[in-house]
Amino acid sequence: FLSLVAEFCCGFFVILILGNFWFLAVLYLLWLYLDWGTPCAGGRRSHWVRSWTVWKYFREYFPIHLIKTSELNPNHNYLLGFHPHGVLVAGAFGNFCTDPPFKNLFPGLTPYLHIMPIWFGCPFFREYIMCAGMVSASKESVSHVLSNKGGGHASVIVIGGAEESLNAHPGSLTLNILKRKGFIKMALKHGAHLVPVFSFGENELFKQVANPKGSWLRNVQEKLQKIMGFALPLFHARGVFQYSFGLIPYRQPIHTVVGSPIPVKQNLNPTTEEIDQLHALYLQKLKKLFEEHKSNYGIPAHKSLIFE
């Protein structure tokens, strides 16, 4: 959905340039230049945009549910690790970029969903996603959110990133996380409490073309991902009036479970050993969260998370 909106915004900008409204395009480019740093400085959220009725229907379509397992004290800042990426990242968008799911369960906390910086280069689209509460996934942006002295900020990071979307097959429980430790270092530097989040059903929304590791398709996808910065999974789901083929996601329930916080003491210069220790603890808590809730959401008892 966001990709379609982005394409529409880019197309509209091209029309302005080629049409009789080129001066508006020039003015917008000036605004873009002056406003370039905003996605790394907390964005520009709008309660009005986040409360659009369309998002209520979006959440109800699957439906999307946010499950709270523990209190999050608004006097602290938090870094929420979201898993898995899936194809659409519907749980992250529906729960953290629309009102009122998160603010009702965690009053006093303001969530910021960090996404790839490339999206903020898209004319007009960048204005919308900032209004929805999305900000850049750059180190500068995460630091800005977690530096709030009064607490009450929650950085939401999809840890597996674009690479993990290539594993987004129904039933897949593989997470790209073993080498991803930057979020741990950021949590330590800012003393932000870590919170594992697992979104059950995220990988069930689309069927992806078989792309096992080592296949020619996977090799091409991985090379393109390194060049462009984002992955290109080949997927399909249902249509508007039929269920055999289309790009509309399947109506599969999504249950995004927010785990208990892992207290983190601020350490401006953490050692590699300290980062590895906290990373190992995070993996342990994430696995525990999954095991405690998997039976509630149709995961067979013999299945467990796979970290790679």
Foldseek 3Di string as FASTA:
>chain_A
DLVVVLVVLLVVLVCCCPDPNVVVNVVLVVVCVVCVCQLLQQFAAALVLLADPVLVVVCVQLPEAEAEDDADDQQAEAEEAEDDCAQPNSNCLSQQQHDDNPCVVHPLAHEAEADDSVQCVRRPSVNSSSRSRYGHPDLSSLLNQLQPNRGRYYYYYNQQAQLSNQQLAVPAQEGAHPPRLPVLLSCQQSQHWYKYKYKPPRSVFKHFDDDDPPDPVSVVQVVVCVVVVHGDTHIWAQDDPGTPTHRGTDSHYIYMYIGDTHGHHHDNDDDPVRSVVVSVVVVVRNQVVCQVCVVVRPRDNVDGHHYD
